[in-house]
Amino acid sequence: MKTKQINHLLLAGSLSVLLFACKKSSNDNSSSTPSNSDLQTQSDDQTRVSTETDAAFDDVNTAMTSQAAVTGSSESTPIRYGVIAEGGNQDTVKSYICDATVTVDTVDNPRTLTITYNGANCNLTRTRTGTVVVSWAAGVRWHNQGAVVTVNFNNLKITRISDGKSITLNGTHTYTNVTGGTLLSLTSNSATAITHTIMSTNMSITFDNGTQRTWSVARQRVYSYNSGLVITTTGLHTDGSTTGISEWGINRFGNNFSTQIVNPLVISLCNNYFQMTSGEVNLTNAAGSTMITFGLDSTGTAIGCPVSGTYYFKLVWTGNGGKSYTFILPY
């Protein structure tokens, strides 16, 4: 899988978490219609947080898979070293992350793998600084069923090139290889999919205006092979009678929100790029709910992998007072 293709996958996948906001005044009620400005701001917040979280975990996967000392495929002597990953040259790096230095320590307990982002603009859309530290107990091997590692975001700051706006992520995630196996083993002969879960109750987000919030994450990602890698994402959290929640917390406007994956979000290889080919998400806050359906054509009809053309999503917002808006937009 090429890095450029992964970036495209993330940009498409980021649309899966589009979420509106409603900044209510003292005399507003729950049927208030969210302003365009608030809708766009919170949509952007949710999109970027989810996209960059997934991007960081893709980097974690890449770094761990390339380290025998982590996967357990082989290990000779204990190591404590750094690997420069700038440029992604296969003869000099083990991480294939274009904007980071990777340091592995298998001497201390817990073991650690540290991804330090260097601010390079290698994907032409954003820069990253800060670190992501993966830690695991001595004896844990990532390829084993049930293997658990801890992933800490430490001042992971992502700055968008187009407008200079940034978000900063901190917090601890529990990352579990539910089924065992590594993504390198997924080929046309693979009979078993690989399942990972990502859980966090304290992911802190600092937005560009200085507002700081804490969000929770409960996602499952299933990796399979069907003429290329397929990633299927579902939510794991339950709140009352609502199941399939993948993210919840308080947005920058101080309102509670939740993201429910109603039908699994499926990303697959289509026309040589990774695309969000199907899925449905229900997004709720105090103002109402938004249903987003992916993998459509411009008329709102579900399609498979098109030979040419663009994918669209259908967004239906329904306010608690009965107001409704429908949009069909490309992604």
Protein backbone atom coordinates (compact mmCIF):
# COMPACT_ATOMS: atom_id res chain seq x y z
CA MET A 1 0.00 0.00 0.00
CA LYS A 2 1.48 3.32 -1.04
CA THR A 3 1.62 6.25 1.35
CA LYS A 4 -0.13 8.50 -1.14
CA GLN A 5 -2.99 6.03 -1.26
CA ILE A 6 -3.23 5.95 2.53
CA ASN A 7 -3.52 9.74 2.63
CA HIS A 8 -6.29 9.60 0.05
CA LEU A 9 -8.05 6.96 2.14
CA LEU A 10 -7.93 9.19 5.19
CA LEU A 11 -9.27 12.20 3.34
CA ALA A 12 -12.20 10.17 2.10
CA GLY A 13 -12.71 8.53 5.46
CA SER A 14 -12.75 11.87 7.23
CA LEU A 15 -16.18 12.57 5.76
CA SER A 16 -17.59 9.72 7.82
CA VAL A 17 -17.68 11.88 10.90
CA LEU A 18 -19.22 15.09 9.60
CA LEU A 19 -21.13 16.58 12.54
CA PHE A 20 -23.10 19.76 13.03
CA ALA A 21 -23.12 22.05 16.04
CA CYS A 22 -25.68 24.38 17.56
CA LYS A 23 -24.38 27.22 19.70
CA LYS A 24 -27.51 28.08 21.62
CA SER A 25 -28.22 31.45 23.14
CA SER A 26 -30.00 31.86 26.48
CA ASN A 27 -33.42 32.01 24.83
CA ASP A 28 -32.89 29.22 22.31
CA ASN A 29 -34.60 25.85 22.67
CA SER A 30 -33.75 22.38 21.38
CA SER A 31 -35.49 23.02 18.07
CA SER A 32 -33.10 25.83 17.12
CA THR A 33 -31.57 25.55 13.67
CA PRO A 34 -27.76 25.49 13.75
CA SER A 35 -26.10 28.43 12.03
CA ASN A 36 -24.04 27.78 8.89
CA SER A 37 -20.95 29.05 10.68
CA ASP A 38 -21.39 26.70 13.64
CA LEU A 39 -22.25 23.78 11.37
CA GLN A 40 -19.13 24.31 9.28
CA THR A 41 -16.87 24.81 12.31
CA GLN A 42 -18.00 21.69 14.16
CA SER A 43 -18.02 19.65 10.95
CA ASP A 44 -14.42 20.71 10.40
CA ASP A 45 -13.49 19.93 14.03
CA GLN A 46 -14.98 16.46 13.96
CA THR A 47 -13.57 15.67 10.54
CA ARG A 48 -10.03 16.68 11.45
CA VAL A 49 -9.96 14.97 14.85
CA SER A 50 -11.18 11.67 13.44
CA THR A 51 -8.97 11.87 10.35
CA GLU A 52 -5.82 12.65 12.29
CA THR A 53 -6.54 10.04 14.95
CA ASP A 54 -6.91 7.41 12.22
CA ALA A 55 -3.76 8.71 10.52
CA ALA A 56 -1.78 8.35 13.74
CA PHE A 57 -2.99 4.78 14.21
CA ASP A 58 -2.12 3.96 10.61
CA ASP A 59 1.39 5.19 11.44
CA VAL A 60 1.40 3.05 14.59
CA ASN A 61 0.40 0.03 12.50
CA THR A 62 3.08 0.77 9.93
CA ALA A 63 5.80 1.28 12.53
CA MET A 64 4.91 -1.81 14.57
CA THR A 65 4.56 -4.05 11.53
CA SER A 66 8.02 -3.05 10.31
CA GLN A 67 9.70 -3.84 13.66
CA ALA A 68 10.40 -7.52 14.32
CA ALA A 69 11.04 -6.68 17.97
CA VAL A 70 7.42 -5.53 18.25
CA THR A 71 5.61 -8.07 16.09
CA GLY A 72 7.65 -10.94 17.50
CA SER A 73 8.42 -12.46 14.09
CA SER A 74 12.08 -12.56 15.13
CA GLU A 75 14.30 -10.88 17.67
CA SER A 76 18.03 -11.30 18.14
CA THR A 77 19.48 -8.82 20.64
CA PRO A 78 17.77 -6.05 22.65
CA ILE A 79 17.74 -2.72 20.78
CA ARG A 80 17.59 0.92 21.64
CA TYR A 81 17.93 3.06 18.56
CA GLY A 82 16.39 5.65 16.27
CA VAL A 83 15.33 5.20 12.69
CA ILE A 84 15.10 8.29 10.46
CA ALA A 85 12.00 7.97 8.34
CA GLU A 86 12.12 11.15 6.26
CA GLY A 87 11.61 10.46 2.57
CA GLY A 88 10.49 6.87 3.01
CA ASN A 89 13.52 5.27 1.33
CA GLN A 90 13.07 1.55 1.72
CA ASP A 91 16.79 0.87 2.02
CA THR A 92 17.24 3.20 5.02
CA VAL A 93 14.00 3.17 7.01
CA LYS A 94 11.79 0.67 8.77
CA SER A 95 8.73 2.80 9.38
CA TYR A 96 7.93 4.25 5.93
CA ILE A 97 6.44 7.32 7.64
CA CYS A 98 7.44 10.33 5.58
CA ASP A 99 7.47 12.98 8.33
CA ALA A 100 8.78 11.22 11.42
CA THR A 101 11.67 9.69 13.30
CA VAL A 102 10.96 6.32 14.91
CA THR A 103 12.81 5.20 18.04
CA VAL A 104 12.54 1.65 19.40
CA ASP A 105 13.54 0.57 22.91
CA THR A 106 13.37 -3.13 23.84
CA VAL A 107 15.68 -2.79 26.85
CA ASP A 108 13.42 -1.08 29.37
CA ASN A 109 10.11 -2.46 30.59
CA PRO A 110 7.63 -1.45 29.32
CA ARG A 111 9.06 -1.57 25.81
CA THR A 112 8.44 1.55 23.75
CA LEU A 113 8.21 2.68 20.16
CA THR A 114 8.20 6.46 19.75
CA ILE A 115 7.09 8.26 16.60
CA THR A 116 8.40 11.84 16.64
CA TYR A 117 6.91 14.05 13.94
CA ASN A 118 9.30 16.57 12.44
CA GLY A 119 7.00 19.14 10.81
CA ALA A 120 7.78 18.10 7.23
CA ASN A 121 5.11 18.94 4.66
CA CYS A 122 5.45 15.65 2.82
CA ASN A 123 1.78 15.15 1.95
CA LEU A 124 1.32 18.80 0.88
CA THR A 125 -1.79 19.37 3.03
CA ARG A 126 -0.60 19.57 6.67
CA THR A 127 2.36 19.40 9.02
CA ARG A 128 2.67 17.46 12.27
CA THR A 129 4.80 17.90 15.37
CA GLY A 130 4.78 16.13 18.72
CA THR A 131 5.06 12.43 19.53
CA VAL A 132 3.04 9.23 19.59
CA VAL A 133 4.44 6.71 22.06
CA VAL A 134 3.50 3.03 21.85
CA SER A 135 4.28 0.98 24.96
CA TRP A 136 3.84 -2.69 25.78
CA ALA A 137 4.88 -5.11 28.48
CA ALA A 138 7.91 -7.33 27.97
CA GLY A 139 6.81 -10.54 26.28
CA VAL A 140 3.84 -9.02 24.42
CA ARG A 141 3.96 -9.62 20.66
CA TRP A 142 1.61 -7.60 18.47
CA HIS A 143 0.87 -10.51 16.12
CA ASN A 144 -0.59 -12.59 18.96
CA GLN A 145 -4.35 -12.82 19.50
CA GLY A 146 -5.47 -10.38 22.18
CA ALA A 147 -2.20 -8.42 22.22
CA VAL A 148 -2.65 -4.99 23.82
CA VAL A 149 -0.47 -1.91 23.50
CA THR A 150 -0.94 1.58 24.93
CA VAL A 151 -0.76 4.54 22.55
CA ASN A 152 -0.12 7.99 24.01
CA PHE A 153 -0.58 11.18 22.01
CA ASN A 154 1.79 13.83 23.41
CA ASN A 155 1.14 17.33 22.05
CA LEU A 156 0.46 15.94 18.59
CA LYS A 157 -0.15 19.20 16.74
CA ILE A 158 -1.52 19.12 13.22
CA THR A 159 -1.45 22.37 11.24
CA ARG A 160 -3.39 22.69 8.01
CA ILE A 161 -1.40 24.34 5.23
CA SER A 162 -4.36 25.98 3.51
CA ASP A 163 -5.34 28.25 6.42
CA GLY A 164 -2.76 27.70 9.16
CA LYS A 165 -5.37 26.35 11.60
CA SER A 166 -4.27 23.65 14.02
CA ILE A 167 -5.57 21.06 16.44
CA THR A 168 -3.50 19.49 19.24
CA LEU A 169 -4.20 15.98 20.51
CA ASN A 170 -3.24 14.48 23.88
CA GLY A 171 -4.40 11.39 25.70
CA THR A 172 -4.12 7.64 26.10
CA HIS A 173 -5.61 4.97 23.83
CA THR A 174 -5.82 1.22 24.35
CA TYR A 175 -5.07 -0.58 21.08
CA THR A 176 -5.96 -4.28 20.87
CA ASN A 177 -5.23 -6.88 18.21
CA VAL A 178 -8.41 -8.86 18.83
CA THR A 179 -7.84 -11.66 16.32
CA GLY A 180 -4.06 -11.63 16.08
CA GLY A 181 -2.05 -11.54 12.86
CA THR A 182 -0.43 -8.65 11.00
CA LEU A 183 -1.63 -6.67 8.01
CA LEU A 184 1.30 -7.96 5.97
CA SER A 185 -0.36 -11.39 6.05
CA LEU A 186 -3.49 -10.16 4.26
CA THR A 187 -3.39 -11.43 0.69
CA SER A 188 -5.73 -13.03 -1.80
CA ASN A 189 -5.17 -16.29 0.07
CA SER A 190 -6.20 -14.86 3.45
CA ALA A 191 -9.17 -16.69 4.92
CA THR A 192 -9.34 -14.72 8.18
CA ALA A 193 -9.79 -11.00 8.65
CA ILE A 194 -7.82 -9.05 11.25
CA THR A 195 -9.72 -7.06 13.88
CA HIS A 196 -8.34 -4.14 15.91
CA THR A 197 -10.10 -2.01 18.52
CA ILE A 198 -9.26 1.55 19.59
CA MET A 199 -10.56 2.77 22.96
CA SER A 200 -10.02 6.06 24.81
CA THR A 201 -11.80 8.00 27.54
CA ASN A 202 -9.43 10.93 27.82
CA MET A 203 -8.47 12.16 24.36
CA SER A 204 -7.96 15.91 24.85
CA ILE A 205 -8.37 18.21 21.85
CA THR A 206 -7.17 21.80 21.83
CA PHE A 207 -8.74 23.75 18.97
CA ASP A 208 -7.27 26.73 17.12
CA ASN A 209 -9.14 29.24 19.33
CA GLY A 210 -7.68 27.72 22.51
CA THR A 211 -10.85 25.81 23.47
CA GLN A 212 -10.04 22.45 25.03
CA ARG A 213 -12.36 19.44 25.17
CA THR A 214 -12.16 15.76 26.12
CA TRP A 215 -13.69 13.13 23.84
CA SER A 216 -14.16 9.36 24.12
CA VAL A 217 -13.47 6.86 21.34
CA ALA A 218 -14.68 3.27 20.85
CA ARG A 219 -13.95 2.00 17.35
CA GLN A 220 -13.44 -1.36 15.74
CA ARG A 221 -11.53 -1.66 12.46
CA VAL A 222 -11.66 -4.96 10.54
CA TYR A 223 -9.03 -5.50 7.85
CA SER A 224 -9.78 -8.00 5.08
CA TYR A 225 -8.74 -8.65 1.48
CA ASN A 226 -10.94 -8.41 -1.62
CA SER A 227 -8.86 -7.49 -4.67
CA GLY A 228 -6.99 -5.23 -2.25
CA LEU A 229 -7.20 -4.12 1.36
CA VAL A 230 -10.69 -3.47 2.78
CA ILE A 231 -11.20 -1.62 6.08
CA THR A 232 -14.58 -1.89 7.81
CA THR A 233 -15.21 0.44 10.77
CA THR A 234 -17.94 0.12 13.39
CA GLY A 235 -18.67 1.70 16.78
CA LEU A 236 -18.50 -0.25 20.05
CA HIS A 237 -20.10 2.02 22.66
CA THR A 238 -23.70 1.73 23.88
CA ASP A 239 -25.68 4.55 25.49
CA GLY A 240 -29.12 3.41 26.61
CA SER A 241 -30.78 1.85 23.58
CA THR A 242 -28.30 3.40 21.12
CA THR A 243 -25.58 1.01 19.99
CA GLY A 244 -22.69 1.39 17.56
CA ILE A 245 -21.41 4.72 18.96
CA SER A 246 -17.84 5.42 17.85
CA GLU A 247 -17.21 8.87 19.39
CA TRP A 248 -18.89 11.04 21.99
CA GLY A 249 -18.17 14.05 24.16
CA ILE A 250 -18.58 17.83 24.13
CA ASN A 251 -17.88 19.98 21.09
CA ARG A 252 -16.10 23.34 21.20
CA PHE A 253 -19.48 25.08 21.67
CA GLY A 254 -20.13 23.19 24.91
CA ASN A 255 -22.81 20.85 23.54
CA ASN A 256 -22.89 17.08 23.97
CA PHE A 257 -22.65 15.02 20.79
CA SER A 258 -22.42 11.39 19.72
CA THR A 259 -21.49 9.65 16.48
CA GLN A 260 -23.32 6.39 15.75
CA ILE A 261 -22.21 4.15 12.87
CA VAL A 262 -25.57 2.74 11.74
CA ASN A 263 -24.14 0.69 8.86
CA PRO A 264 -20.42 -0.15 8.74
CA LEU A 265 -18.13 2.34 7.04
CA VAL A 266 -16.30 0.45 4.30
CA ILE A 267 -13.12 1.70 2.66
CA SER A 268 -11.80 -0.33 -0.27
CA LEU A 269 -9.53 -0.08 -3.28
CA CYS A 270 -11.42 1.43 -6.22
CA ASN A 271 -9.84 2.76 -9.41
CA ASN A 272 -6.40 2.42 -7.76
CA TYR A 273 -7.40 4.63 -4.81
CA PHE A 274 -8.87 3.85 -1.43
CA GLN A 275 -12.44 5.14 -1.25
CA MET A 276 -15.31 5.18 1.22
CA THR A 277 -17.60 2.91 -0.81
CA SER A 278 -20.50 2.46 1.64
CA GLY A 279 -21.72 3.18 5.15
CA GLU A 280 -24.20 5.21 7.16
CA VAL A 281 -23.66 7.43 10.19
CA ASN A 282 -26.18 9.07 12.52
CA LEU A 283 -24.94 12.18 14.30
CA THR A 284 -26.82 13.76 17.20
CA ASN A 285 -26.60 16.74 19.53
CA ALA A 286 -29.05 19.08 21.26
CA ALA A 287 -30.37 20.48 17.98
CA GLY A 288 -31.40 17.21 16.34
CA SER A 289 -29.85 14.50 14.22
CA THR A 290 -28.03 14.13 10.93
CA MET A 291 -28.03 10.95 8.85
CA ILE A 292 -25.18 10.63 6.35
CA THR A 293 -25.12 7.88 3.71
CA PHE A 294 -21.96 7.16 1.67
CA GLY A 295 -21.22 5.44 -1.63
CA LEU A 296 -23.81 7.21 -3.78
CA ASP A 297 -23.92 8.80 -7.22
CA SER A 298 -25.06 12.38 -7.87
CA THR A 299 -28.72 11.31 -7.77
CA GLY A 300 -28.37 9.70 -4.34
CA THR A 301 -28.40 6.13 -5.69
CA ALA A 302 -26.03 3.58 -4.14
CA ILE A 303 -23.27 2.45 -6.49
CA GLY A 304 -20.41 -0.01 -6.32
CA CYS A 305 -16.92 0.78 -7.54
CA PRO A 306 -17.45 3.14 -10.50
CA VAL A 307 -15.27 2.97 -13.60
CA SER A 308 -15.24 6.76 -13.62
CA GLY A 309 -16.87 9.60 -11.77
CA THR A 310 -17.14 10.77 -8.17
CA TYR A 311 -18.64 9.37 -5.00
CA TYR A 312 -21.32 11.40 -3.21
CA PHE A 313 -22.83 11.33 0.26
CA LYS A 314 -26.39 12.23 1.22
CA LEU A 315 -26.86 14.34 4.36
CA VAL A 316 -30.29 14.64 5.95
CA TRP A 317 -30.51 16.96 8.96
CA THR A 318 -33.67 16.80 11.08
CA GLY A 319 -34.19 19.29 13.90
CA ASN A 320 -36.13 18.48 17.03
CA GLY A 321 -38.75 21.03 15.92
CA GLY A 322 -39.41 19.15 12.67
CA LYS A 323 -37.27 21.24 10.30
CA SER A 324 -35.35 19.20 7.77
CA TYR A 325 -32.61 19.80 5.21
CA THR A 326 -31.18 17.41 2.61
CA PHE A 327 -27.91 17.75 0.70
CA ILE A 328 -26.11 15.51 -1.77
CA LEU A 329 -22.43 16.42 -1.98
CA PRO A 330 -19.27 14.90 -3.50
CA TYR A 331 -16.32 13.57 -1.55
